[in-house]
PDB file of N, CA and C in Angstrom:
ATOM      1  N   UNK A   1       0.834  -1.177   0.014  1.00  0.00           N
ATOM      2  CA  UNK A   1       0.008   0.008   0.019  1.00  0.00           C
ATOM      3  C   UNK A   1       0.906   1.241   0.007  1.00  0.00           C
ATOM      4  N   UNK A   2       0.605   2.196  -0.890  1.00  0.00           N
ATOM      5  CA  UNK A   2       1.436   3.398  -0.927  1.00  0.00           C
ATOM      6  C   UNK A   2       1.028   4.360   0.203  1.00  0.00           C
ATOM      7  N   UNK A   3       1.870   5.350   0.448  1.00  0.00           N
ATOM      8  CA  UNK A   3       1.675   6.290   1.554  1.00  0.00           C
ATOM      9  C   UNK A   3       0.352   7.043   1.456  1.00  0.00           C
ATOM     10  N   UNK A   4       0.022   7.511   0.230  1.00  0.00           N
ATOM     11  CA  UNK A   4      -1.212   8.242   0.080  1.00  0.00           C
ATOM     12  C   UNK A   4      -2.417   7.392   0.387  1.00  0.00           C
ATOM     13  N   UNK A   5      -2.416   6.160  -0.065  1.00  0.00           N
ATOM     14  CA  UNK A   5      -3.523   5.257   0.199  1.00  0.00           C
ATOM     15  C   UNK A   5      -3.656   4.967   1.726  1.00  0.00           C
ATOM     16  N   UNK A   6      -2.505   4.784   2.366  1.00  0.00           N
ATOM     17  CA  UNK A   6      -2.544   4.560   3.811  1.00  0.00           C
ATOM     18  C   UNK A   6      -3.123   5.773   4.548  1.00  0.00           C
ATOM     19  N   UNK A   7      -2.738   6.978   4.123  1.00  0.00           N
ATOM     20  CA  UNK A   7      -3.267   8.212   4.744  1.00  0.00           C
ATOM     21  C   UNK A   7      -4.759   8.312   4.495  1.00  0.00           C
ATOM     22  N   UNK A   8      -5.196   8.033   3.228  1.00  0.00           N
ATOM     23  CA  UNK A   8      -6.615   8.061   2.882  1.00  0.00           C
ATOM     24  C   UNK A   8      -7.403   7.089   3.768  1.00  0.00           C
ATOM     25  N   UNK A   9      -6.889   5.856   3.922  1.00  0.00           N
ATOM     26  CA  UNK A   9      -7.552   4.862   4.729  1.00  0.00           C
ATOM     27  C   UNK A   9      -7.697   5.324   6.169  1.00  0.00           C
ATOM     28  N   UNK A  10      -6.651   5.851   6.744  1.00  0.00           N
ATOM     29  CA  UNK A  10      -6.664   6.309   8.124  1.00  0.00           C
ATOM     30  C   UNK A  10      -7.660   7.462   8.335  1.00  0.00           C
ATOM     31  N   UNK A  11      -7.647   8.414   7.390  1.00  0.00           N
ATOM     32  CA  UNK A  11      -8.601   9.523   7.533  1.00  0.00           C
ATOM     33  C   UNK A  11     -10.047   9.062   7.362  1.00  0.00           C
ATOM     34  N   UNK A  12     -10.285   8.088   6.491  1.00  0.00           N
ATOM     35  CA  UNK A  12     -11.620   7.511   6.322  1.00  0.00           C
ATOM     36  C   UNK A  12     -12.062   6.853   7.602  1.00  0.00           C
ATOM     37  N   UNK A  13     -11.153   6.054   8.196  1.00  0.00           N
ATOM     38  CA  UNK A  13     -11.474   5.381   9.503  1.00  0.00           C
ATOM     39  C   UNK A  13     -11.841   6.385  10.564  1.00  0.00           C
ATOM     40  N   UNK A  14     -11.045   7.458  10.626  1.00  0.00           N
ATOM     41  CA  UNK A  14     -11.304   8.485  11.653  1.00  0.00           C
ATOM     42  C   UNK A  14     -12.619   9.177  11.390  1.00  0.00           C
ATOM     43  N   UNK A  15     -12.901   9.464  10.143  1.00  0.00           N
ATOM     44  CA  UNK A  15     -14.182  10.135   9.780  1.00  0.00           C
ATOM     45  C   UNK A  15     -15.358   9.263  10.144  1.00  0.00           C
ATOM     46  N   UNK A  16     -15.270   7.943   9.897  1.00  0.00           N
ATOM     47  CA  UNK A  16     -16.349   7.028  10.230  1.00  0.00           C
ATOM     48  C   UNK A  16     -16.577   6.983  11.736  1.00  0.00           C
ATOM     49  N   UNK A  17     -15.512   7.000  12.501  1.00  0.00           N
ATOM     50  CA  UNK A  17     -15.621   7.023  13.952  1.00  0.00           C
ATOM     51  C   UNK A  17     -16.357   8.265  14.463  1.00  0.00           C
ATOM     52  N   UNK A  18     -15.962   9.390  13.936  1.00  0.00           N
ATOM     53  CA  UNK A  18     -16.547  10.650  14.392  1.00  0.00           C
ATOM     54  C   UNK A  18     -18.015  10.696  14.030  1.00  0.00           C
ATOM     55  N   UNK A  19     -18.391  10.149  12.848  1.00  0.00           N
ATOM     56  CA  UNK A  19     -19.767  10.192  12.408  1.00  0.00           C
ATOM     57  C   UNK A  19     -20.639   9.084  12.992  1.00  0.00           C
ATOM     58  N   UNK A  20     -20.064   8.169  13.780  1.00  0.00           N
ATOM     59  CA  UNK A  20     -20.824   7.039  14.296  1.00  0.00           C
ATOM     60  C   UNK A  20     -21.517   7.460  15.608  1.00  0.00           C
ATOM     61  N   UNK A  21     -22.829   7.632  15.533  1.00  0.00           N
ATOM     62  CA  UNK A  21     -23.619   8.069  16.697  1.00  0.00           C
ATOM     63  C   UNK A  21     -23.782   7.001  17.785  1.00  0.00           C
ATOM     64  N   UNK A  22     -23.480   5.730  17.419  1.00  0.00           N
ATOM     65  CA  UNK A  22     -23.632   4.640  18.371  1.00  0.00           C
ATOM     66  C   UNK A  22     -22.452   4.534  19.341  1.00  0.00           C
ATOM     67  N   UNK A  23     -21.354   5.185  19.040  1.00  0.00           N
ATOM     68  CA  UNK A  23     -20.182   5.130  19.907  1.00  0.00           C
ATOM     69  C   UNK A  23     -20.310   6.049  21.082  1.00  0.00           C
ATOM     70  N   UNK A  24     -19.882   5.587  22.239  1.00  0.00           N
ATOM     71  CA  UNK A  24     -19.819   6.472  23.403  1.00  0.00           C
ATOM     72  C   UNK A  24     -18.578   7.349  23.311  1.00  0.00           C
ATOM     73  N   UNK A  25     -18.512   8.370  24.145  1.00  0.00           N
ATOM     74  CA  UNK A  25     -17.334   9.218  24.136  1.00  0.00           C
ATOM     75  C   UNK A  25     -16.072   8.396  24.466  1.00  0.00           C
ATOM     76  N   UNK A  26     -16.201   7.451  25.392  1.00  0.00           N
ATOM     77  CA  UNK A  26     -15.054   6.604  25.725  1.00  0.00           C
ATOM     78  C   UNK A  26     -14.611   5.746  24.539  1.00  0.00           C
ATOM     79  N   UNK A  27     -15.602   5.160  23.811  1.00  0.00           N
ATOM     80  CA  UNK A  27     -15.232   4.363  22.643  1.00  0.00           C
ATOM     81  C   UNK A  27     -14.518   5.197  21.619  1.00  0.00           C
ATOM     82  N   UNK A  28     -15.034   6.411  21.373  1.00  0.00           N
ATOM     83  CA  UNK A  28     -14.414   7.304  20.449  1.00  0.00           C
ATOM     84  C   UNK A  28     -12.997   7.695  20.864  1.00  0.00           C
ATOM     85  N   UNK A  29     -12.818   7.983  22.173  1.00  0.00           N
ATOM     86  CA  UNK A  29     -11.529   8.342  22.685  1.00  0.00           C
ATOM     87  C   UNK A  29     -10.524   7.227  22.474  1.00  0.00           C
ATOM     88  N   UNK A  30     -10.923   6.005  22.831  1.00  0.00           N
ATOM     89  CA  UNK A  30     -10.002   4.836  22.688  1.00  0.00           C
ATOM     90  C   UNK A  30      -9.640   4.603  21.236  1.00  0.00           C
ATOM     91  N   UNK A  31     -10.647   4.661  20.346  1.00  0.00           N
ATOM     92  CA  UNK A  31     -10.346   4.423  18.935  1.00  0.00           C
ATOM     93  C   UNK A  31      -9.473   5.533  18.343  1.00  0.00           C
ATOM     94  N   UNK A  32      -9.715   6.751  18.737  1.00  0.00           N
ATOM     95  CA  UNK A  32      -8.911   7.847  18.184  1.00  0.00           C
ATOM     96  C   UNK A  32      -7.496   7.821  18.723  1.00  0.00           C
ATOM     97  N   UNK A  33      -7.323   7.320  19.950  1.00  0.00           N
ATOM     98  CA  UNK A  33      -5.963   7.199  20.509  1.00  0.00           C
ATOM     99  C   UNK A  33      -5.093   6.238  19.718  1.00  0.00           C
ATOM    100  N   UNK A  34      -5.734   5.255  19.099  1.00  0.00           N
ATOM    101  CA  UNK A  34      -4.945   4.315  18.289  1.00  0.00           C
ATOM    102  C   UNK A  34      -4.792   4.844  16.846  1.00  0.00           C
ATOM    103  N   UNK A  35      -5.790   5.544  16.351  1.00  0.00           N
ATOM    104  CA  UNK A  35      -5.724   6.039  14.955  1.00  0.00           C
ATOM    105  C   UNK A  35      -4.864   7.275  14.790  1.00  0.00           C
ATOM    106  N   UNK A  36      -4.938   8.219  15.775  1.00  0.00           N
ATOM    107  CA  UNK A  36      -4.213   9.458  15.615  1.00  0.00           C
ATOM    108  C   UNK A  36      -2.711   9.297  15.507  1.00  0.00           C
ATOM    109  N   UNK A  37      -2.062   8.471  16.334  1.00  0.00           N
ATOM    110  CA  UNK A  37      -0.608   8.270  16.186  1.00  0.00           C
ATOM    111  C   UNK A  37      -0.271   7.667  14.792  1.00  0.00           C
ATOM    112  N   UNK A  38      -1.107   6.750  14.325  1.00  0.00           N
ATOM    113  CA  UNK A  38      -0.837   6.170  12.987  1.00  0.00           C
ATOM    114  C   UNK A  38      -1.001   7.240  11.928  1.00  0.00           C
ATOM    115  N   UNK A  39      -1.963   8.129  12.091  1.00  0.00           N
ATOM    116  CA  UNK A  39      -2.168   9.201  11.131  1.00  0.00           C
ATOM    117  C   UNK A  39      -0.994  10.160  11.178  1.00  0.00           C
ATOM    118  N   UNK A  40      -0.504  10.504  12.380  1.00  0.00           N
ATOM    119  CA  UNK A  40       0.659  11.377  12.509  1.00  0.00           C
ATOM    120  C   UNK A  40       1.896  10.739  11.853  1.00  0.00           C
ATOM    121  N   UNK A  41       2.073   9.440  12.094  1.00  0.00           N
ATOM    122  CA  UNK A  41       3.205   8.740  11.465  1.00  0.00           C
ATOM    123  C   UNK A  41       3.138   8.765   9.971  1.00  0.00           C
ATOM    124  N   UNK A  42       1.955   8.538   9.412  1.00  0.00           N
ATOM    125  CA  UNK A  42       1.755   8.539   7.962  1.00  0.00           C
ATOM    126  C   UNK A  42       2.064   9.944   7.378  1.00  0.00           C
ATOM    127  N   UNK A  43       1.603  10.968   8.067  1.00  0.00           N
ATOM    128  CA  UNK A  43       1.867  12.331   7.604  1.00  0.00           C
ATOM    129  C   UNK A  43       3.354  12.633   7.685  1.00  0.00           C
ATOM    130  N   UNK A  44       4.005  12.170   8.742  1.00  0.00           N
ATOM    131  CA  UNK A  44       5.421  12.357   8.922  1.00  0.00           C
ATOM    132  C   UNK A  44       6.194  11.687   7.787  1.00  0.00           C
ATOM    133  N   UNK A  45       5.842  10.473   7.431  1.00  0.00           N
ATOM    134  CA  UNK A  45       6.485   9.774   6.354  1.00  0.00           C
ATOM    135  C   UNK A  45       6.320  10.476   5.013  1.00  0.00           C
ATOM    136  N   UNK A  46       5.243  11.203   4.858  1.00  0.00           N
ATOM    137  CA  UNK A  46       4.998  11.956   3.632  1.00  0.00           C
ATOM    138  C   UNK A  46       5.665  13.331   3.653  1.00  0.00           C
ATOM    139  N   UNK A  47       6.338  13.643   4.762  1.00  0.00           N
ATOM    140  CA  UNK A  47       7.048  14.913   4.828  1.00  0.00           C
ATOM    141  C   UNK A  47       6.336  16.025   5.589  1.00  0.00           C
ATOM    142  N   UNK A  48       5.210  15.704   6.174  1.00  0.00           N
ATOM    143  CA  UNK A  48       4.461  16.670   6.986  1.00  0.00           C
ATOM    144  C   UNK A  48       4.803  16.472   8.442  1.00  0.00           C
ATOM    145  N   UNK A  49       4.769  17.526   9.210  1.00  0.00           N
ATOM    146  CA  UNK A  49       4.983  17.413  10.652  1.00  0.00           C
ATOM    147  C   UNK A  49       6.404  17.083  11.030  1.00  0.00           C
ATOM    148  N   UNK A  50       7.360  17.503  10.219  1.00  0.00           N
ATOM    149  CA  UNK A  50       8.750  17.200  10.528  1.00  0.00           C
ATOM    150  C   UNK A  50       9.399  18.175  11.495  1.00  0.00           C
ATOM    151  N   UNK A  51       8.630  19.099  12.019  1.00  0.00           N
ATOM    152  CA  UNK A  51       9.192  20.099  12.885  1.00  0.00           C
ATOM    153  C   UNK A  51       9.627  19.477  14.200  1.00  0.00           C
ATOM    154  N   UNK A  52      10.731  19.983  14.715  1.00  0.00           N
ATOM    155  CA  UNK A  52      11.181  19.611  16.025  1.00  0.00           C
ATOM    156  C   UNK A  52      11.184  20.800  16.936  1.00  0.00           C
ATOM    157  N   UNK A  53      10.973  20.531  18.230  1.00  0.00           N
ATOM    158  CA  UNK A  53      10.834  21.598  19.198  1.00  0.00           C
ATOM    159  C   UNK A  53      11.726  21.330  20.431  1.00  0.00           C
ATOM    160  N   UNK A  54      12.162  22.416  21.026  1.00  0.00           N
ATOM    161  CA  UNK A  54      12.741  22.350  22.346  1.00  0.00           C
ATOM    162  C   UNK A  54      11.651  22.889  23.247  1.00  0.00           C
ATOM    163  N   UNK A  55      11.732  22.514  24.541  1.00  0.00           N
ATOM    164  CA  UNK A  55      10.720  22.962  25.466  1.00  0.00           C
ATOM    165  C   UNK A  55      11.403  23.822  26.557  1.00  0.00           C
ATOM    166  N   UNK A  56      10.881  25.030  26.692  1.00  0.00           N
ATOM    167  CA  UNK A  56      11.375  25.961  27.720  1.00  0.00           C
ATOM    168  C   UNK A  56      10.455  25.874  28.933  1.00  0.00           C
ATOM    169  N   UNK A  57      11.041  25.760  30.086  1.00  0.00           N
ATOM    170  CA  UNK A  57      10.306  25.730  31.304  1.00  0.00           C
ATOM    171  C   UNK A  57      10.413  27.081  32.012  1.00  0.00           C
ATOM    172  N   UNK A  58       9.304  27.848  32.050  1.00  0.00           N
ATOM    173  CA  UNK A  58       9.258  29.091  32.810  1.00  0.00           C
ATOM    174  C   UNK A  58       9.423  28.813  34.317  1.00  0.00           C
ATOM    175  N   UNK A  59       8.843  27.698  34.725  1.00  0.00           N
ATOM    176  CA  UNK A  59       8.826  27.313  36.125  1.00  0.00           C
ATOM    177  C   UNK A  59      10.267  27.054  36.610  1.00  0.00           C
ATOM    178  N   UNK A  60      11.094  26.398  35.807  1.00  0.00           N
ATOM    179  CA  UNK A  60      12.467  26.056  36.202  1.00  0.00           C
ATOM    180  C   UNK A  60      13.504  26.915  35.575  1.00  0.00           C
ATOM    181  N   UNK A  61      13.077  27.848  34.702  1.00  0.00           N
ATOM    182  CA  UNK A  61      13.980  28.783  34.015  1.00  0.00           C
ATOM    183  C   UNK A  61      15.091  27.988  33.327  1.00  0.00           C
ATOM    184  N   UNK A  62      14.675  26.959  32.574  1.00  0.00           N
ATOM    185  CA  UNK A  62      15.645  26.076  31.940  1.00  0.00           C
ATOM    186  C   UNK A  62      14.943  25.307  30.797  1.00  0.00           C
ATOM    187  N   UNK A  63      15.783  24.626  29.982  1.00  0.00           N
ATOM    188  CA  UNK A  63      15.284  23.823  28.865  1.00  0.00           C
ATOM    189  C   UNK A  63      15.092  22.390  29.364  1.00  0.00           C
ATOM    190  N   UNK A  64      14.075  21.712  28.794  1.00  0.00           N
ATOM    191  CA  UNK A  64      13.907  20.283  29.050  1.00  0.00           C
ATOM    192  C   UNK A  64      15.024  19.524  28.424  1.00  0.00           C
ATOM    193  N   UNK A  65      15.573  18.563  29.178  1.00  0.00           N
ATOM    194  CA  UNK A  65      16.610  17.678  28.585  1.00  0.00           C
ATOM    195  C   UNK A  65      15.940  16.578  27.777  1.00  0.00           C
ATOM    196  N   UNK A  66      16.727  15.840  27.000  1.00  0.00           N
ATOM    197  CA  UNK A  66      16.134  14.717  26.225  1.00  0.00           C
ATOM    198  C   UNK A  66      15.354  13.750  27.083  1.00  0.00           C
ATOM    199  N   UNK A  67      14.329  13.198  26.467  1.00  0.00           N
ATOM    200  CA  UNK A  67      13.486  12.174  27.101  1.00  0.00           C
ATOM    201  C   UNK A  67      12.865  12.626  28.414  1.00  0.00           C
ATOM    202  N   UNK A  68      12.667  13.928  28.548  1.00  0.00           N
ATOM    203  CA  UNK A  68      12.036  14.514  29.736  1.00  0.00           C
ATOM    204  C   UNK A  68      12.809  14.161  31.014  1.00  0.00           C
ATOM    205  N   UNK A  69      14.115  14.091  30.906  1.00  0.00           N
ATOM    206  CA  UNK A  69      14.971  13.684  32.037  1.00  0.00           C
ATOM    207  C   UNK A  69      15.633  14.873  32.720  1.00  0.00           C
ATOM    208  N   UNK A  70      14.855  15.842  33.143  1.00  0.00           N
ATOM    209  CA  UNK A  70      15.358  16.965  33.907  1.00  0.00           C
ATOM    210  C   UNK A  70      15.519  18.245  33.045  1.00  0.00           C
ATOM    211  N   UNK A  71      16.326  19.144  33.520  1.00  0.00           N
ATOM    212  CA  UNK A  71      16.423  20.493  32.906  1.00  0.00           C
ATOM    213  C   UNK A  71      17.900  20.850  32.753  1.00  0.00           C
ATOM    214  N   UNK A  72      18.119  21.775  31.801  1.00  0.00           N
ATOM    215  CA  UNK A  72      19.451  22.272  31.561  1.00  0.00           C
ATOM    216  C   UNK A  72      19.381  23.765  31.229  1.00  0.00           C
ATOM    217  N   UNK A  73      20.413  24.510  31.640  1.00  0.00           N
ATOM    218  CA  UNK A  73      20.524  25.899  31.287  1.00  0.00           C
ATOM    219  C   UNK A  73      21.053  26.113  29.870  1.00  0.00           C
ATOM    220  N   UNK A  74      21.689  25.055  29.336  1.00  0.00           N
ATOM    221  CA  UNK A  74      22.326  25.167  28.019  1.00  0.00           C
ATOM    222  C   UNK A  74      21.401  24.705  26.894  1.00  0.00           C
ATOM    223  N   UNK A  75      21.050  25.611  26.017  1.00  0.00           N
ATOM    224  CA  UNK A  75      20.141  25.326  24.924  1.00  0.00           C
ATOM    225  C   UNK A  75      20.654  24.127  24.095  1.00  0.00           C
ATOM    226  N   UNK A  76      21.965  24.070  23.869  1.00  0.00           N
ATOM    227  CA  UNK A  76      22.492  23.033  23.007  1.00  0.00           C
ATOM    228  C   UNK A  76      22.356  21.646  23.641  1.00  0.00           C
ATOM    229  N   UNK A  77      22.086  21.553  24.945  1.00  0.00           N
ATOM    230  CA  UNK A  77      21.915  20.280  25.589  1.00  0.00           C
ATOM    231  C   UNK A  77      20.443  19.892  25.761  1.00  0.00           C
ATOM    232  N   UNK A  78      19.552  20.823  25.321  1.00  0.00           N
ATOM    233  CA  UNK A  78      18.096  20.590  25.428  1.00  0.00           C
ATOM    234  C   UNK A  78      17.719  19.452  24.481  1.00  0.00           C
ATOM    235  N   UNK A  79      16.659  18.751  24.834  1.00  0.00           N
ATOM    236  CA  UNK A  79      16.124  17.696  23.983  1.00  0.00           C
ATOM    237  C   UNK A  79      15.418  18.246  22.763  1.00  0.00           C
ATOM    238  N   UNK A  80      15.322  17.474  21.720  1.00  0.00           N
ATOM    239  CA  UNK A  80      14.582  17.830  20.531  1.00  0.00           C
ATOM    240  C   UNK A  80      13.382  16.912  20.496  1.00  0.00           C
ATOM    241  N   UNK A  81      12.180  17.490  20.507  1.00  0.00           N
ATOM    242  CA  UNK A  81      10.932  16.723  20.629  1.00  0.00           C
ATOM    243  C   UNK A  81      10.136  16.887  19.328  1.00  0.00           C
ATOM    244  N   UNK A  82       9.529  15.758  18.906  1.00  0.00           N
ATOM    245  CA  UNK A  82       8.610  15.844  17.760  1.00  0.00           C
ATOM    246  C   UNK A  82       7.439  16.692  18.154  1.00  0.00           C
ATOM    247  N   UNK A  83       6.737  17.235  17.174  1.00  0.00           N
ATOM    248  CA  UNK A  83       5.652  18.156  17.424  1.00  0.00           C
ATOM    249  C   UNK A  83       4.605  17.566  18.341  1.00  0.00           C
ATOM    250  N   UNK A  84       4.175  16.327  18.084  1.00  0.00           N
ATOM    251  CA  UNK A  84       3.108  15.734  18.898  1.00  0.00           C
ATOM    252  C   UNK A  84       3.582  15.497  20.335  1.00  0.00           C
ATOM    253  N   UNK A  85       4.884  15.168  20.494  1.00  0.00           N
ATOM    254  CA  UNK A  85       5.454  14.952  21.827  1.00  0.00           C
ATOM    255  C   UNK A  85       5.461  16.269  22.607  1.00  0.00           C
ATOM    256  N   UNK A  86       5.944  17.310  21.936  1.00  0.00           N
ATOM    257  CA  UNK A  86       6.051  18.624  22.563  1.00  0.00           C
ATOM    258  C   UNK A  86       4.660  19.159  22.948  1.00  0.00           C
ATOM    259  N   UNK A  87       3.692  19.009  22.043  1.00  0.00           N
ATOM    260  CA  UNK A  87       2.346  19.444  22.351  1.00  0.00           C
ATOM    261  C   UNK A  87       1.774  18.733  23.570  1.00  0.00           C
ATOM    262  N   UNK A  88       1.999  17.442  23.627  1.00  0.00           N
ATOM    263  CA  UNK A  88       1.477  16.662  24.784  1.00  0.00           C
ATOM    264  C   UNK A  88       2.138  17.149  26.092  1.00  0.00           C
ATOM    265  N   UNK A  89       3.431  17.360  26.104  1.00  0.00           N
ATOM    266  CA  UNK A  89       4.125  17.780  27.305  1.00  0.00           C
ATOM    267  C   UNK A  89       3.625  19.165  27.711  1.00  0.00           C
ATOM    268  N   UNK A  90       3.553  20.088  26.806  1.00  0.00           N
ATOM    269  CA  UNK A  90       3.147  21.462  27.121  1.00  0.00           C
ATOM    270  C   UNK A  90       1.698  21.511  27.563  1.00  0.00           C
ATOM    271  N   UNK A  91       0.844  20.745  26.916  1.00  0.00           N
ATOM    272  CA  UNK A  91      -0.568  20.748  27.314  1.00  0.00           C
ATOM    273  C   UNK A  91      -0.757  20.226  28.727  1.00  0.00           C
ATOM    274  N   UNK A  92      -0.063  19.137  29.057  1.00  0.00           N
ATOM    275  CA  UNK A  92      -0.176  18.581  30.405  1.00  0.00           C
ATOM    276  C   UNK A  92       0.409  19.515  31.457  1.00  0.00           C
ATOM    277  N   UNK A  93       1.514  20.169  31.133  1.00  0.00           N
ATOM    278  CA  UNK A  93       2.176  21.063  32.097  1.00  0.00           C
ATOM    279  C   UNK A  93       1.353  22.362  32.344  1.00  0.00           C
ATOM    280  N   UNK A  94       0.566  22.754  31.383  1.00  0.00           N
ATOM    281  CA  UNK A  94      -0.137  23.988  31.470  1.00  0.00           C
ATOM    282  C   UNK A  94      -1.618  23.901  31.823  1.00  0.00           C
ATOM    283  N   UNK A  95      -2.064  22.724  32.200  1.00  0.00           N
ATOM    284  CA  UNK A  95      -3.473  22.524  32.544  1.00  0.00           C
ATOM    285  C   UNK A  95      -3.880  23.499  33.667  1.00  0.00           C
ATOM    286  N   UNK A  96      -4.934  24.230  33.427  1.00  0.00           N
ATOM    287  CA  UNK A  96      -5.488  25.112  34.421  1.00  0.00           C
ATOM    288  C   UNK A  96      -4.795  26.490  34.543  1.00  0.00           C
ATOM    289  N   UNK A  97      -3.761  26.731  33.766  1.00  0.00           N
ATOM    290  CA  UNK A  97      -3.067  27.998  33.825  1.00  0.00           C
ATOM    291  C   UNK A  97      -3.682  28.965  32.752  1.00  0.00           C
ATOM    292  N   UNK A  98      -3.844  30.211  33.162  1.00  0.00           N
ATOM    293  CA  UNK A  98      -4.459  31.170  32.234  1.00  0.00           C
ATOM    294  C   UNK A  98      -3.497  32.296  31.854  1.00  0.00           C
ATOM    295  N   UNK A  99      -2.687  32.723  32.742  1.00  0.00           N
ATOM    296  CA  UNK A  99      -1.844  33.903  32.480  1.00  0.00           C
ATOM    297  C   UNK A  99      -0.514  33.569  31.847  1.00  0.00           C
ATOM    298  N   UNK A 100       0.380  32.966  32.586  1.00  0.00           N
ATOM    299  CA  UNK A 100       1.717  32.596  32.080  1.00  0.00           C
ATOM    300  C   UNK A 100       1.909  31.110  32.148  1.00  0.00           C
ATOM    301  N   UNK A 101       2.184  30.485  31.005  1.00  0.00           N
ATOM    302  CA  UNK A 101       2.338  29.030  31.020  1.00  0.00           C
ATOM    303  C   UNK A 101       3.612  28.586  31.706  1.00  0.00           C
ATOM    304  N   UNK A 102       3.577  27.357  32.280  1.00  0.00           N
ATOM    305  CA  UNK A 102       4.794  26.786  32.887  1.00  0.00           C
ATOM    306  C   UNK A 102       5.807  26.425  31.778  1.00  0.00           C
ATOM    307  N   UNK A 103       5.339  25.823  30.687  1.00  0.00           N
ATOM    308  CA  UNK A 103       6.194  25.315  29.641  1.00  0.00           C
ATOM    309  C   UNK A 103       5.777  25.906  28.311  1.00  0.00           C
ATOM    310  N   UNK A 104       6.739  26.067  27.391  1.00  0.00           N
ATOM    311  CA  UNK A 104       6.456  26.614  26.050  1.00  0.00           C
ATOM    312  C   UNK A 104       7.317  25.870  25.027  1.00  0.00           C
ATOM    313  N   UNK A 105       6.727  25.656  23.846  1.00  0.00           N
ATOM    314  CA  UNK A 105       7.431  25.027  22.730  1.00  0.00           C
ATOM    315  C   UNK A 105       8.223  26.082  21.959  1.00  0.00           C
ATOM    316  N   UNK A 106       9.407  25.748  21.595  1.00  0.00           N
ATOM    317  CA  UNK A 106      10.275  26.639  20.795  1.00  0.00           C
ATOM    318  C   UNK A 106      10.727  25.829  19.577  1.00  0.00           C
ATOM    319  N   UNK A 107      10.308  26.258  18.402  1.00  0.00           N
ATOM    320  CA  UNK A 107      10.642  25.490  17.210  1.00  0.00           C
ATOM    321  C   UNK A 107      12.147  25.577  16.947  1.00  0.00           C
ATOM    322  N   UNK A 108      12.700  24.453  16.556  1.00  0.00           N
ATOM    323  CA  UNK A 108      14.119  24.405  16.173  1.00  0.00           C
ATOM    324  C   UNK A 108      14.177  24.774  14.689  1.00  0.00           C
ATOM    325  N   UNK A 109      14.964  25.767  14.372  1.00  0.00           N
ATOM    326  CA  UNK A 109      15.103  26.187  12.998  1.00  0.00           C
ATOM    327  C   UNK A 109      16.362  25.559  12.371  1.00  0.00           C
ATOM    328  N   UNK A 110      16.388  25.457  11.086  1.00  0.00           N
ATOM    329  CA  UNK A 110      17.492  24.750  10.408  1.00  0.00           C
ATOM    330  C   UNK A 110      18.823  25.427  10.637  1.00  0.00           C
ATOM    331  N   UNK A 111      18.853  26.740  10.803  1.00  0.00           N
ATOM    332  CA  UNK A 111      20.144  27.420  10.964  1.00  0.00           C
ATOM    333  C   UNK A 111      20.440  27.721  12.423  1.00  0.00           C
ATOM    334  N   UNK A 112      19.854  26.974  13.318  1.00  0.00           N
ATOM    335  CA  UNK A 112      20.073  27.211  14.755  1.00  0.00           C
ATOM    336  C   UNK A 112      21.589  27.093  15.025  1.00  0.00           C
ATOM    337  N   UNK A 113      22.177  28.065  15.713  1.00  0.00           N
ATOM    338  CA  UNK A 113      23.633  28.049  15.883  1.00  0.00           C
ATOM    339  C   UNK A 113      24.232  26.807  16.474  1.00  0.00           C
ATOM    340  N   UNK A 114      23.553  26.214  17.435  1.00  0.00           N
ATOM    341  CA  UNK A 114      24.126  25.043  18.114  1.00  0.00           C
ATOM    342  C   UNK A 114      23.806  23.760  17.473  1.00  0.00           C
ATOM    343  N   UNK A 115      22.783  23.752  16.595  1.00  0.00           N
ATOM    344  CA  UNK A 115      22.384  22.512  15.957  1.00  0.00           C
ATOM    345  C   UNK A 115      21.818  21.511  16.964  1.00  0.00           C
ATOM    346  N   UNK A 116      21.604  20.292  16.531  1.00  0.00           N
ATOM    347  CA  UNK A 116      21.101  19.240  17.419  1.00  0.00           C
ATOM    348  C   UNK A 116      22.068  18.075  17.324  1.00  0.00           C
ATOM    349  N   UNK A 117      22.702  17.782  18.411  1.00  0.00           N
ATOM    350  CA  UNK A 117      23.610  16.627  18.454  1.00  0.00           C
ATOM    351  C   UNK A 117      22.743  15.376  18.608  1.00  0.00           C
ATOM    352  N   UNK A 118      23.008  14.319  17.872  1.00  0.00           N
ATOM    353  CA  UNK A 118      22.148  13.111  17.935  1.00  0.00           C
ATOM    354  C   UNK A 118      21.951  12.586  19.351  1.00  0.00           C
ATOM    355  N   UNK A 119      22.969  12.657  20.180  1.00  0.00           N
ATOM    356  CA  UNK A 119      22.832  12.116  21.531  1.00  0.00           C
ATOM    357  C   UNK A 119      21.887  12.931  22.424  1.00  0.00           C
ATOM    358  N   UNK A 120      21.522  14.119  21.966  1.00  0.00           N
ATOM    359  CA  UNK A 120      20.626  14.966  22.764  1.00  0.00           C
ATOM    360  C   UNK A 120      19.193  14.955  22.212  1.00  0.00           C
ATOM    361  N   UNK A 121      18.941  14.234  21.161  1.00  0.00           N
ATOM    362  CA  UNK A 121      17.576  14.142  20.665  1.00  0.00           C
ATOM    363  C   UNK A 121      16.761  13.202  21.492  1.00  0.00           C
ATOM    364  N   UNK A 122      15.475  13.498  21.622  1.00  0.00           N
ATOM    365  CA  UNK A 122      14.586  12.600  22.376  1.00  0.00           C
ATOM    366  C   UNK A 122      14.140  11.434  21.505  1.00  0.00           C
TER     367      UNK A 122
END
């Protein structure tokens, strides 16, 4: 199966789930939790969603280290997180906050001075 067909199949499955009035919210949540990562992976393979992020902690005044293993003051030692990973971390860390978030995503740009060393990627 080619990538486009895989993506089409996944989006069709997700659309059918959303339109199914017989599913409970819990059924829909469980089904989407399995489909959404597959959909993100398919998009990534097609070249979408390739952005990487570092996470800044306002609470700790430091960058998140790779694999969520603590904090560092040095940007070049910060972890590189895929977009969906960074969103998950930031959303969980900022639940209930309205004014200033605890954590923020910072996109890594191609010409970043320090680059990303493979051993520091998440």
